[in-house]
Amino acid sequence: MNRKNKNQFRMQTAELGKSLRNNKTLYLFLLLPIVYFIIFKYVPMFGNIIAFRKYIPGQSYFGVSWEGFRYFEMFLKDEAFWSVFKNTVVLSGLSLLICFPIPILFSLLLNEIMQKKVKKVVQSLTIVPRFLSVVVVVAMMNALLSPSTGIVNTIIEKLGGEAIYFMNEPFWFRIIYIISELWQFLGWNSIIYMAVLSSADQEQYEAAMVDGAGKIKQAIHITLPMMLPTIAINLIIALGNILNIGFEKVLLMYTPTTYETADIIQTFVYRVGLMNANYSYGTAVGLFQGVISLSLLWAANRITNKRWGCGLW
């Protein structure tokens, strides 16, 4: 048995070596992403040790004394933490419910445009916002929604209403955030679905048309089942990142008057962990968030594997 395993291992090693020699260029393309993930994703994981130790700047990187779960108990008893946790779940949940299905619908509608030039123009116009920096997007929102010079408030006043300070009111924060996310990433998120639709078997659609199926029935019985594996994978990834919403945009958008609905876990960690130099506490909160995200990713992957037979692993 051992000899058989050794022979299999040698054969697999030989096949791997042959594949590396024959596809050197392709493997070289993987080198930089691998180095990036090792340096910026895996190496920083060692810093999570200070969630269990008391860290003092200028002393040992791994902390000066063992504190156990003290910092976890602190934030679980902290009313402010549960407020930001609720805000994070609500904001990310609304983003998922609205910003996840709309690109799918958009790709279905875009696929029905027969003129290639029109389709390319629409795709280009919706993809361009993805390449704008968060700072530029927030600056545009501030300009458009300004109570004194913004075009939105100008229209409201022309219609007889009063100017609204959108960026300074808790009620409007989530609405503005979700609309800006949808505008910025609609075209980008639809690219992968457009790629799936471009490889569709046209004979199936022709057969459906012969049977009298309209566009809606074709979408329900042919297009959506074909897109289902891609949708499932994207949904798993989205659920895994449900607590990791846009920190930079929220940080640039929120003000002390909007903390009620705008303060999320990442901004809480930034304010408490970095601004107040409470690094161990901030790391504990971040680790707690990471564990929940990993659990959601695992659960979503297991459900999609059982339900639709597709997943990340």
C-alpha atoms as a PDB file:
ATOM      1  CA  MET A   1       0.000   0.000   0.000  1.00  0.00           C
ATOM      2  CA  ASN A   2       2.812   2.385   0.906  1.00  0.00           C
ATOM      3  CA  ARG A   3       4.627   1.571  -2.332  1.00  0.00           C
ATOM      4  CA  LYS A   4       1.440   2.252  -4.286  1.00  0.00           C
ATOM      5  CA  ASN A   5       1.028   5.623  -2.571  1.00  0.00           C
ATOM      6  CA  LYS A   6       4.656   6.489  -3.286  1.00  0.00           C
ATOM      7  CA  ASN A   7       4.208   5.650  -6.961  1.00  0.00           C
ATOM      8  CA  GLN A   8       1.075   7.791  -7.147  1.00  0.00           C
ATOM      9  CA  PHE A   9       2.911  10.662  -5.458  1.00  0.00           C
ATOM     10  CA  ARG A  10       5.805  10.374  -7.919  1.00  0.00           C
ATOM     11  CA  MET A  11       3.408  10.346 -10.870  1.00  0.00           C
ATOM     12  CA  GLN A  12       1.568  13.412  -9.567  1.00  0.00           C
ATOM     13  CA  THR A  13       4.874  15.213  -8.951  1.00  0.00           C
ATOM     14  CA  ALA A  14       6.054  14.372 -12.468  1.00  0.00           C
ATOM     15  CA  GLU A  15       2.770  15.637 -13.952  1.00  0.00           C
ATOM     16  CA  LEU A  16       3.029  18.841 -11.919  1.00  0.00           C
ATOM     17  CA  GLY A  17       6.623  19.385 -13.059  1.00  0.00           C
ATOM     18  CA  LYS A  18       5.609  18.826 -16.678  1.00  0.00           C
ATOM     19  CA  SER A  19       2.705  21.256 -16.317  1.00  0.00           C
ATOM     20  CA  LEU A  20       5.038  23.885 -14.816  1.00  0.00           C
ATOM     21  CA  ARG A  21       7.494  23.514 -17.697  1.00  0.00           C
ATOM     22  CA  ASN A  22       4.797  23.666 -20.368  1.00  0.00           C
ATOM     23  CA  ASN A  23       2.921  26.616 -18.833  1.00  0.00           C
ATOM     24  CA  LYS A  24       5.729  28.707 -17.361  1.00  0.00           C
ATOM     25  CA  THR A  25       4.255  31.993 -18.567  1.00  0.00           C
ATOM     26  CA  LEU A  26       0.837  31.311 -17.051  1.00  0.00           C
ATOM     27  CA  TYR A  27       2.331  30.357 -13.690  1.00  0.00           C
ATOM     28  CA  LEU A  28       4.482  33.501 -13.720  1.00  0.00           C
ATOM     29  CA  PHE A  29       1.288  35.544 -13.952  1.00  0.00           C
ATOM     30  CA  LEU A  30       0.205  33.903 -10.689  1.00  0.00           C
ATOM     31  CA  LEU A  31       3.423  34.863  -8.916  1.00  0.00           C
ATOM     32  CA  LEU A  32       2.554  38.501  -8.132  1.00  0.00           C
ATOM     33  CA  PRO A  33      -0.974  37.739  -6.814  1.00  0.00           C
ATOM     34  CA  ILE A  34       0.460  34.970  -4.612  1.00  0.00           C
ATOM     35  CA  VAL A  35       3.139  37.309  -3.225  1.00  0.00           C
ATOM     36  CA  TYR A  36       0.481  39.990  -2.652  1.00  0.00           C
ATOM     37  CA  PHE A  37      -1.777  37.641  -0.678  1.00  0.00           C
ATOM     38  CA  ILE A  38       1.107  36.281   1.386  1.00  0.00           C
ATOM     39  CA  ILE A  39       2.426  39.737   2.345  1.00  0.00           C
ATOM     40  CA  PHE A  40      -0.828  41.658   2.792  1.00  0.00           C
ATOM     41  CA  LYS A  41      -3.324  38.932   3.773  1.00  0.00           C
ATOM     42  CA  TYR A  42      -1.564  36.024   5.496  1.00  0.00           C
ATOM     43  CA  VAL A  43       1.390  37.669   7.273  1.00  0.00           C
ATOM     44  CA  PRO A  44      -0.878  40.240   9.045  1.00  0.00           C
ATOM     45  CA  MET A  45      -2.857  37.333  10.531  1.00  0.00           C
ATOM     46  CA  PHE A  46      -0.060  36.879  13.069  1.00  0.00           C
ATOM     47  CA  GLY A  47      -1.017  40.296  14.453  1.00  0.00           C
ATOM     48  CA  ASN A  48      -4.333  38.851  15.684  1.00  0.00           C
ATOM     49  CA  ILE A  49      -2.432  37.516  18.690  1.00  0.00           C
ATOM     50  CA  ILE A  50      -2.688  40.962  20.320  1.00  0.00           C
ATOM     51  CA  ALA A  51      -6.456  40.436  20.588  1.00  0.00           C
ATOM     52  CA  PHE A  52      -5.532  38.111  23.475  1.00  0.00           C
ATOM     53  CA  ARG A  53      -2.563  40.090  24.815  1.00  0.00           C
ATOM     54  CA  LYS A  54      -2.007  43.627  26.105  1.00  0.00           C
ATOM     55  CA  TYR A  55      -0.173  45.541  23.407  1.00  0.00           C
ATOM     56  CA  ILE A  56       1.862  48.654  24.209  1.00  0.00           C
ATOM     57  CA  PRO A  57       3.421  50.566  21.271  1.00  0.00           C
ATOM     58  CA  GLY A  58       7.198  50.430  21.302  1.00  0.00           C
ATOM     59  CA  GLN A  59       7.339  47.130  23.171  1.00  0.00           C
ATOM     60  CA  SER A  60       6.951  43.521  22.011  1.00  0.00           C
ATOM     61  CA  TYR A  61       4.986  43.118  18.776  1.00  0.00           C
ATOM     62  CA  PHE A  62       3.109  40.200  20.375  1.00  0.00           C
ATOM     63  CA  GLY A  63       2.111  42.111  23.515  1.00  0.00           C
ATOM     64  CA  VAL A  64       3.482  42.301  27.050  1.00  0.00           C
ATOM     65  CA  SER A  65       0.971  40.203  29.014  1.00  0.00           C
ATOM     66  CA  TRP A  66      -1.659  37.550  28.372  1.00  0.00           C
ATOM     67  CA  GLU A  67      -5.222  38.886  28.735  1.00  0.00           C
ATOM     68  CA  GLY A  68      -7.211  35.938  27.394  1.00  0.00           C
ATOM     69  CA  PHE A  69     -10.730  36.875  26.296  1.00  0.00           C
ATOM     70  CA  ARG A  70     -10.812  40.128  28.279  1.00  0.00           C
ATOM     71  CA  TYR A  71     -11.092  42.383  25.217  1.00  0.00           C
ATOM     72  CA  PHE A  72     -13.801  40.186  23.697  1.00  0.00           C
ATOM     73  CA  GLU A  73     -15.806  40.447  26.934  1.00  0.00           C
ATOM     74  CA  MET A  74     -15.317  44.217  26.913  1.00  0.00           C
ATOM     75  CA  PHE A  75     -16.849  44.778  23.492  1.00  0.00           C
ATOM     76  CA  LEU A  76     -19.617  42.201  23.988  1.00  0.00           C
ATOM     77  CA  LYS A  77     -20.701  44.229  27.039  1.00  0.00           C
ATOM     78  CA  ASP A  78     -20.240  47.550  25.258  1.00  0.00           C
ATOM     79  CA  GLU A  79     -23.581  49.091  24.196  1.00  0.00           C
ATOM     80  CA  ALA A  80     -21.810  51.123  21.503  1.00  0.00           C
ATOM     81  CA  PHE A  81     -20.519  47.941  19.872  1.00  0.00           C
ATOM     82  CA  TRP A  82     -23.975  46.384  19.537  1.00  0.00           C
ATOM     83  CA  SER A  83     -25.234  49.625  18.022  1.00  0.00           C
ATOM     84  CA  VAL A  84     -22.514  49.570  15.346  1.00  0.00           C
ATOM     85  CA  PHE A  85     -23.032  45.832  14.830  1.00  0.00           C
ATOM     86  CA  LYS A  86     -26.728  46.475  14.124  1.00  0.00           C
ATOM     87  CA  ASN A  87     -25.837  49.319  11.742  1.00  0.00           C
ATOM     88  CA  THR A  88     -23.375  47.069   9.914  1.00  0.00           C
ATOM     89  CA  VAL A  89     -25.887  44.236   9.503  1.00  0.00           C
ATOM     90  CA  VAL A  90     -28.693  46.579   8.376  1.00  0.00           C
ATOM     91  CA  LEU A  91     -26.527  48.516   5.901  1.00  0.00           C
ATOM     92  CA  SER A  92     -24.856  45.426   4.438  1.00  0.00           C
ATOM     93  CA  GLY A  93     -28.155  43.511   4.388  1.00  0.00           C
ATOM     94  CA  LEU A  94     -29.894  46.292   2.457  1.00  0.00           C
ATOM     95  CA  SER A  95     -26.926  46.497   0.084  1.00  0.00           C
ATOM     96  CA  LEU A  96     -27.147  42.748  -0.531  1.00  0.00           C
ATOM     97  CA  LEU A  97     -30.922  42.776  -1.081  1.00  0.00           C
ATOM     98  CA  ILE A  98     -30.778  45.703  -3.512  1.00  0.00           C
ATOM     99  CA  CYS A  99     -27.312  45.749  -5.091  1.00  0.00           C
ATOM    100  CA  PHE A 100     -27.007  41.985  -5.658  1.00  0.00           C
ATOM    101  CA  PRO A 101     -30.103  41.189  -7.806  1.00  0.00           C
ATOM    102  CA  ILE A 102     -30.212  44.426  -9.831  1.00  0.00           C
ATOM    103  CA  PRO A 103     -27.002  43.694 -11.830  1.00  0.00           C
ATOM    104  CA  ILE A 104     -28.536  40.311 -12.749  1.00  0.00           C
ATOM    105  CA  LEU A 105     -31.698  42.011 -13.995  1.00  0.00           C
ATOM    106  CA  PHE A 106     -29.610  44.669 -15.763  1.00  0.00           C
ATOM    107  CA  SER A 107     -27.561  42.022 -17.594  1.00  0.00           C
ATOM    108  CA  LEU A 108     -30.773  40.271 -18.715  1.00  0.00           C
ATOM    109  CA  LEU A 109     -32.172  43.524 -20.084  1.00  0.00           C
ATOM    110  CA  LEU A 110     -28.863  44.512 -21.682  1.00  0.00           C
ATOM    111  CA  ASN A 111     -28.657  41.125 -23.365  1.00  0.00           C
ATOM    112  CA  GLU A 112     -31.944  41.866 -25.155  1.00  0.00           C
ATOM    113  CA  ILE A 113     -30.474  44.905 -26.949  1.00  0.00           C
ATOM    114  CA  MET A 114     -29.865  43.761 -30.501  1.00  0.00           C
ATOM    115  CA  GLN A 115     -27.747  46.703 -31.704  1.00  0.00           C
ATOM    116  CA  LYS A 116     -24.155  45.924 -30.690  1.00  0.00           C
ATOM    117  CA  LYS A 117     -23.068  49.573 -30.724  1.00  0.00           C
ATOM    118  CA  VAL A 118     -25.868  50.606 -28.370  1.00  0.00           C
ATOM    119  CA  LYS A 119     -25.069  47.687 -26.062  1.00  0.00           C
ATOM    120  CA  LYS A 120     -21.365  48.634 -25.932  1.00  0.00           C
ATOM    121  CA  VAL A 121     -22.178  52.288 -25.217  1.00  0.00           C
ATOM    122  CA  VAL A 122     -24.527  51.336 -22.351  1.00  0.00           C
ATOM    123  CA  GLN A 123     -21.964  48.900 -20.927  1.00  0.00           C
ATOM    124  CA  SER A 124     -19.179  51.475 -21.115  1.00  0.00           C
ATOM    125  CA  LEU A 125     -21.256  54.205 -19.464  1.00  0.00           C
ATOM    126  CA  THR A 126     -22.228  51.932 -16.561  1.00  0.00           C
ATOM    127  CA  ILE A 127     -18.711  50.546 -16.043  1.00  0.00           C
ATOM    128  CA  VAL A 128     -16.891  53.922 -15.964  1.00  0.00           C
ATOM    129  CA  PRO A 129     -18.049  54.866 -12.391  1.00  0.00           C
ATOM    130  CA  ARG A 130     -16.220  51.781 -11.077  1.00  0.00           C
ATOM    131  CA  PHE A 131     -12.897  53.462 -11.893  1.00  0.00           C
ATOM    132  CA  LEU A 132     -13.650  56.612  -9.910  1.00  0.00           C
ATOM    133  CA  SER A 133     -12.005  56.770  -6.499  1.00  0.00           C
ATOM    134  CA  VAL A 134     -14.182  56.764  -3.389  1.00  0.00           C
ATOM    135  CA  VAL A 135     -12.995  60.294  -2.593  1.00  0.00           C
ATOM    136  CA  VAL A 136     -14.259  61.555  -5.966  1.00  0.00           C
ATOM    137  CA  VAL A 137     -17.618  59.774  -5.576  1.00  0.00           C
ATOM    138  CA  VAL A 138     -18.206  61.236  -2.093  1.00  0.00           C
ATOM    139  CA  ALA A 139     -17.146  64.700  -3.308  1.00  0.00           C
ATOM    140  CA  MET A 140     -19.693  64.401  -6.146  1.00  0.00           C
ATOM    141  CA  MET A 141     -22.402  63.421  -3.649  1.00  0.00           C
ATOM    142  CA  ASN A 142     -21.553  66.387  -1.424  1.00  0.00           C
ATOM    143  CA  ALA A 143     -21.753  68.710  -4.429  1.00  0.00           C
ATOM    144  CA  LEU A 144     -25.042  67.282  -5.724  1.00  0.00           C
ATOM    145  CA  LEU A 145     -26.706  67.151  -2.300  1.00  0.00           C
ATOM    146  CA  SER A 146     -25.410  70.429  -0.873  1.00  0.00           C
ATOM    147  CA  PRO A 147     -28.253  72.328   0.875  1.00  0.00           C
ATOM    148  CA  SER A 148     -27.149  75.641  -0.656  1.00  0.00           C
ATOM    149  CA  THR A 149     -25.703  74.879  -4.108  1.00  0.00           C
ATOM    150  CA  GLY A 150     -26.654  71.249  -4.811  1.00  0.00           C
ATOM    151  CA  ILE A 151     -28.818  70.543  -7.847  1.00  0.00           C
ATOM    152  CA  VAL A 152     -31.082  68.177  -5.869  1.00  0.00           C
ATOM    153  CA  ASN A 153     -32.008  70.833  -3.300  1.00  0.00           C
ATOM    154  CA  THR A 154     -32.328  73.437  -6.044  1.00  0.00           C
ATOM    155  CA  ILE A 155     -35.003  71.263  -7.702  1.00  0.00           C
ATOM    156  CA  ILE A 156     -36.742  70.695  -4.337  1.00  0.00           C
ATOM    157  CA  GLU A 157     -36.865  74.446  -3.681  1.00  0.00           C
ATOM    158  CA  LYS A 158     -38.134  75.142  -7.216  1.00  0.00           C
ATOM    159  CA  LEU A 159     -40.999  72.733  -6.502  1.00  0.00           C
ATOM    160  CA  GLY A 160     -41.862  74.635  -3.330  1.00  0.00           C
ATOM    161  CA  GLY A 161     -40.083  72.448  -0.767  1.00  0.00           C
ATOM    162  CA  GLU A 162     -37.378  73.222   1.768  1.00  0.00           C
ATOM    163  CA  ALA A 163     -33.712  72.369   1.362  1.00  0.00           C
ATOM    164  CA  ILE A 164     -32.637  69.128   3.048  1.00  0.00           C
ATOM    165  CA  TYR A 165     -29.172  68.567   4.510  1.00  0.00           C
ATOM    166  CA  PHE A 166     -28.997  65.015   3.147  1.00  0.00           C
ATOM    167  CA  MET A 167     -25.434  64.282   4.248  1.00  0.00           C
ATOM    168  CA  ASN A 168     -26.134  65.346   7.822  1.00  0.00           C
ATOM    169  CA  GLU A 169     -29.336  63.435   8.554  1.00  0.00           C
ATOM    170  CA  PRO A 170     -29.302  59.811   9.840  1.00  0.00           C
ATOM    171  CA  PHE A 171     -32.439  58.859   7.876  1.00  0.00           C
ATOM    172  CA  TRP A 172     -30.860  59.630   4.496  1.00  0.00           C
ATOM    173  CA  PHE A 173     -27.451  58.059   5.113  1.00  0.00           C
ATOM    174  CA  ARG A 174     -28.343  54.462   4.202  1.00  0.00           C
ATOM    175  CA  ILE A 175     -30.391  55.526   1.177  1.00  0.00           C
ATOM    176  CA  ILE A 176     -27.553  57.676  -0.199  1.00  0.00           C
ATOM    177  CA  TYR A 177     -24.970  54.960   0.479  1.00  0.00           C
ATOM    178  CA  ILE A 178     -26.948  52.224  -1.321  1.00  0.00           C
ATOM    179  CA  ILE A 179     -27.800  54.445  -4.310  1.00  0.00           C
ATOM    180  CA  SER A 180     -24.130  55.431  -4.669  1.00  0.00           C
ATOM    181  CA  GLU A 181     -23.017  51.775  -4.457  1.00  0.00           C
ATOM    182  CA  LEU A 182     -25.572  50.761  -7.063  1.00  0.00           C
ATOM    183  CA  TRP A 183     -24.551  53.587  -9.406  1.00  0.00           C
ATOM    184  CA  GLN A 184     -20.839  52.902  -9.010  1.00  0.00           C
ATOM    185  CA  PHE A 185     -20.844  49.096  -9.334  1.00  0.00           C
ATOM    186  CA  LEU A 186     -23.921  48.243 -11.435  1.00  0.00           C
ATOM    187  CA  GLY A 187     -22.061  47.880 -14.731  1.00  0.00           C
ATOM    188  CA  TRP A 188     -18.999  46.267 -13.172  1.00  0.00           C
ATOM    189  CA  ASN A 189     -20.991  43.606 -11.318  1.00  0.00           C
ATOM    190  CA  SER A 190     -22.963  42.762 -14.458  1.00  0.00           C
ATOM    191  CA  ILE A 191     -19.834  41.927 -16.511  1.00  0.00           C
ATOM    192  CA  ILE A 192     -19.592  38.342 -15.264  1.00  0.00           C
ATOM    193  CA  TYR A 193     -23.284  37.730 -16.028  1.00  0.00           C
ATOM    194  CA  MET A 194     -22.880  39.197 -19.505  1.00  0.00           C
ATOM    195  CA  ALA A 195     -19.980  36.785 -20.066  1.00  0.00           C
ATOM    196  CA  VAL A 196     -22.248  33.860 -19.139  1.00  0.00           C
ATOM    197  CA  LEU A 197     -24.998  35.105 -21.455  1.00  0.00           C
ATOM    198  CA  SER A 198     -22.578  35.555 -24.356  1.00  0.00           C
ATOM    199  CA  SER A 199     -21.805  31.819 -24.256  1.00  0.00           C
ATOM    200  CA  ALA A 200     -25.482  30.770 -24.266  1.00  0.00           C
ATOM    201  CA  ASP A 201     -26.653  28.098 -26.694  1.00  0.00           C
ATOM    202  CA  GLN A 202     -28.845  29.965 -29.185  1.00  0.00           C
ATOM    203  CA  GLU A 203     -30.483  26.731 -30.350  1.00  0.00           C
ATOM    204  CA  GLN A 204     -32.302  26.467 -27.019  1.00  0.00           C
ATOM    205  CA  TYR A 205     -33.795  29.931 -27.482  1.00  0.00           C
ATOM    206  CA  GLU A 206     -34.786  29.146 -31.064  1.00  0.00           C
ATOM    207  CA  ALA A 207     -36.501  25.936 -29.933  1.00  0.00           C
ATOM    208  CA  ALA A 208     -38.307  27.857 -27.173  1.00  0.00           C
ATOM    209  CA  MET A 209     -39.494  30.466 -29.682  1.00  0.00           C
ATOM    210  CA  VAL A 210     -40.852  27.705 -31.923  1.00  0.00           C
ATOM    211  CA  ASP A 211     -42.785  26.363 -28.918  1.00  0.00           C
ATOM    212  CA  GLY A 212     -44.270  29.822 -28.379  1.00  0.00           C
ATOM    213  CA  ALA A 213     -42.226  30.883 -25.332  1.00  0.00           C
ATOM    214  CA  GLY A 214     -41.927  34.656 -24.915  1.00  0.00           C
ATOM    215  CA  LYS A 215     -38.945  36.576 -23.550  1.00  0.00           C
ATOM    216  CA  ILE A 216     -40.026  36.235 -19.921  1.00  0.00           C
ATOM    217  CA  LYS A 217     -40.502  32.452 -20.154  1.00  0.00           C
ATOM    218  CA  GLN A 218     -37.159  32.127 -21.950  1.00  0.00           C
ATOM    219  CA  ALA A 219     -35.487  34.067 -19.145  1.00  0.00           C
ATOM    220  CA  ILE A 220     -37.146  31.949 -16.431  1.00  0.00           C
ATOM    221  CA  HIS A 221     -36.659  28.508 -17.995  1.00  0.00           C
ATOM    222  CA  ILE A 222     -33.403  28.932 -19.968  1.00  0.00           C
ATOM    223  CA  THR A 223     -31.393  32.009 -18.983  1.00  0.00           C
ATOM    224  CA  LEU A 224     -31.699  31.970 -15.185  1.00  0.00           C
ATOM    225  CA  PRO A 225     -30.954  28.211 -14.809  1.00  0.00           C
ATOM    226  CA  MET A 226     -27.872  28.745 -16.988  1.00  0.00           C
ATOM    227  CA  MET A 227     -26.761  31.667 -14.779  1.00  0.00           C
ATOM    228  CA  LEU A 228     -27.546  29.876 -11.502  1.00  0.00           C
ATOM    229  CA  PRO A 229     -24.023  28.494 -10.757  1.00  0.00           C
ATOM    230  CA  THR A 230     -22.495  31.952 -11.281  1.00  0.00           C
ATOM    231  CA  ILE A 231     -25.206  33.597  -9.171  1.00  0.00           C
ATOM    232  CA  ALA A 232     -24.658  31.021  -6.402  1.00  0.00           C
ATOM    233  CA  ILE A 233     -20.883  31.601  -6.309  1.00  0.00           C
ATOM    234  CA  ASN A 234     -21.328  35.387  -6.226  1.00  0.00           C
ATOM    235  CA  LEU A 235     -23.956  35.052  -3.488  1.00  0.00           C
ATOM    236  CA  ILE A 236     -21.588  32.950  -1.358  1.00  0.00           C
ATOM    237  CA  ILE A 237     -18.847  35.568  -1.719  1.00  0.00           C
ATOM    238  CA  ALA A 238     -21.313  38.386  -0.976  1.00  0.00           C
ATOM    239  CA  LEU A 239     -22.555  36.649   2.195  1.00  0.00           C
ATOM    240  CA  GLY A 240     -18.959  36.066   3.302  1.00  0.00           C
ATOM    241  CA  ASN A 241     -18.306  39.800   2.925  1.00  0.00           C
ATOM    242  CA  ILE A 242     -21.610  40.928   4.411  1.00  0.00           C
ATOM    243  CA  LEU A 243     -19.874  42.566   7.392  1.00  0.00           C
ATOM    244  CA  ASN A 244     -17.051  44.019   5.280  1.00  0.00           C
ATOM    245  CA  ILE A 245     -18.876  46.921   3.676  1.00  0.00           C
ATOM    246  CA  GLY A 246     -17.158  49.969   2.189  1.00  0.00           C
ATOM    247  CA  PHE A 247     -15.172  51.385   5.100  1.00  0.00           C
ATOM    248  CA  GLU A 248     -13.609  54.224   3.080  1.00  0.00           C
ATOM    249  CA  LYS A 249     -16.931  55.487   1.725  1.00  0.00           C
ATOM    250  CA  VAL A 250     -18.642  55.342   5.119  1.00  0.00           C
ATOM    251  CA  LEU A 251     -15.683  57.084   6.776  1.00  0.00           C
ATOM    252  CA  LEU A 252     -15.819  59.908   4.217  1.00  0.00           C
ATOM    253  CA  MET A 253     -19.622  60.189   4.312  1.00  0.00           C
ATOM    254  CA  TYR A 254     -20.477  60.012   7.984  1.00  0.00           C
ATOM    255  CA  THR A 255     -20.473  62.805  10.569  1.00  0.00           C
ATOM    256  CA  PRO A 256     -21.116  62.777  14.344  1.00  0.00           C
ATOM    257  CA  THR A 257     -24.767  63.624  13.619  1.00  0.00           C
ATOM    258  CA  THR A 258     -25.193  60.457  11.509  1.00  0.00           C
ATOM    259  CA  TYR A 259     -23.490  58.013  13.921  1.00  0.00           C
ATOM    260  CA  GLU A 260     -26.951  56.703  14.800  1.00  0.00           C
ATOM    261  CA  THR A 261     -27.211  54.892  11.446  1.00  0.00           C
ATOM    262  CA  ALA A 262     -23.757  55.354   9.871  1.00  0.00           C
ATOM    263  CA  ASP A 263     -21.321  54.061  12.486  1.00  0.00           C
ATOM    264  CA  ILE A 264     -20.275  50.526  11.457  1.00  0.00           C
ATOM    265  CA  ILE A 265     -17.809  47.968  12.820  1.00  0.00           C
ATOM    266  CA  GLN A 266     -14.910  49.175  10.651  1.00  0.00           C
ATOM    267  CA  THR A 267     -15.336  52.830  11.648  1.00  0.00           C
ATOM    268  CA  PHE A 268     -15.733  51.760  15.282  1.00  0.00           C
ATOM    269  CA  VAL A 269     -12.445  49.826  15.091  1.00  0.00           C
ATOM    270  CA  TYR A 270     -10.774  52.804  13.394  1.00  0.00           C
ATOM    271  CA  ARG A 271     -12.017  55.250  16.024  1.00  0.00           C
ATOM    272  CA  VAL A 272     -11.485  53.095  19.117  1.00  0.00           C
ATOM    273  CA  GLY A 273      -8.492  51.031  18.000  1.00  0.00           C
ATOM    274  CA  LEU A 274      -6.421  53.561  16.057  1.00  0.00           C
ATOM    275  CA  MET A 275      -7.579  57.030  17.130  1.00  0.00           C
ATOM    276  CA  ASN A 276      -7.679  56.074  20.829  1.00  0.00           C
ATOM    277  CA  ALA A 277      -4.591  53.820  20.519  1.00  0.00           C
ATOM    278  CA  ASN A 278      -6.481  50.848  22.016  1.00  0.00           C
ATOM    279  CA  TYR A 279      -4.944  48.383  19.573  1.00  0.00           C
ATOM    280  CA  SER A 280      -5.737  45.138  21.409  1.00  0.00           C
ATOM    281  CA  TYR A 281      -9.405  46.080  21.769  1.00  0.00           C
ATOM    282  CA  GLY A 282      -9.657  47.077  18.102  1.00  0.00           C
ATOM    283  CA  THR A 283      -7.972  43.834  17.016  1.00  0.00           C
ATOM    284  CA  ALA A 284     -10.408  41.788  19.120  1.00  0.00           C
ATOM    285  CA  VAL A 285     -13.381  43.491  17.441  1.00  0.00           C
ATOM    286  CA  GLY A 286     -11.851  42.925  13.996  1.00  0.00           C
ATOM    287  CA  LEU A 287     -11.174  39.248  14.780  1.00  0.00           C
ATOM    288  CA  PHE A 288     -14.752  38.795  15.996  1.00  0.00           C
ATOM    289  CA  GLN A 289     -15.983  40.257  12.710  1.00  0.00           C
ATOM    290  CA  GLY A 290     -13.679  37.953  10.725  1.00  0.00           C
ATOM    291  CA  VAL A 291     -14.904  34.830  12.544  1.00  0.00           C
ATOM    292  CA  ILE A 292     -18.547  35.728  11.831  1.00  0.00           C
ATOM    293  CA  SER A 293     -17.745  36.391   8.150  1.00  0.00           C
ATOM    294  CA  LEU A 294     -15.964  33.032   7.868  1.00  0.00           C
ATOM    295  CA  SER A 295     -18.927  31.263   9.498  1.00  0.00           C
ATOM    296  CA  LEU A 296     -21.365  32.902   7.066  1.00  0.00           C
ATOM    297  CA  LEU A 297     -19.152  31.961   4.122  1.00  0.00           C
ATOM    298  CA  TRP A 298     -18.969  28.330   5.269  1.00  0.00           C
ATOM    299  CA  ALA A 299     -22.740  28.143   5.897  1.00  0.00           C
ATOM    300  CA  ALA A 300     -23.618  29.744   2.548  1.00  0.00           C
ATOM    301  CA  ASN A 301     -21.262  27.409   0.697  1.00  0.00           C
ATOM    302  CA  ARG A 302     -22.741  24.348   2.395  1.00  0.00           C
ATOM    303  CA  ILE A 303     -26.327  25.414   1.629  1.00  0.00           C
ATOM    304  CA  THR A 304     -25.626  26.124  -2.055  1.00  0.00           C
ATOM    305  CA  ASN A 305     -23.771  22.814  -2.396  1.00  0.00           C
ATOM    306  CA  LYS A 306     -26.759  20.924  -1.004  1.00  0.00           C
ATOM    307  CA  ARG A 307     -29.406  22.949  -2.825  1.00  0.00           C
ATOM    308  CA  TRP A 308     -27.853  23.527  -6.253  1.00  0.00           C
ATOM    309  CA  GLY A 309     -24.742  21.341  -6.278  1.00  0.00           C
ATOM    310  CA  CYS A 310     -22.288  24.230  -6.724  1.00  0.00           C
ATOM    311  CA  GLY A 311     -20.017  26.106  -4.345  1.00  0.00           C
ATOM    312  CA  LEU A 312     -16.532  27.443  -3.708  1.00  0.00           C
ATOM    313  CA  TRP A 313     -15.350  24.051  -2.454  1.00  0.00           C
END
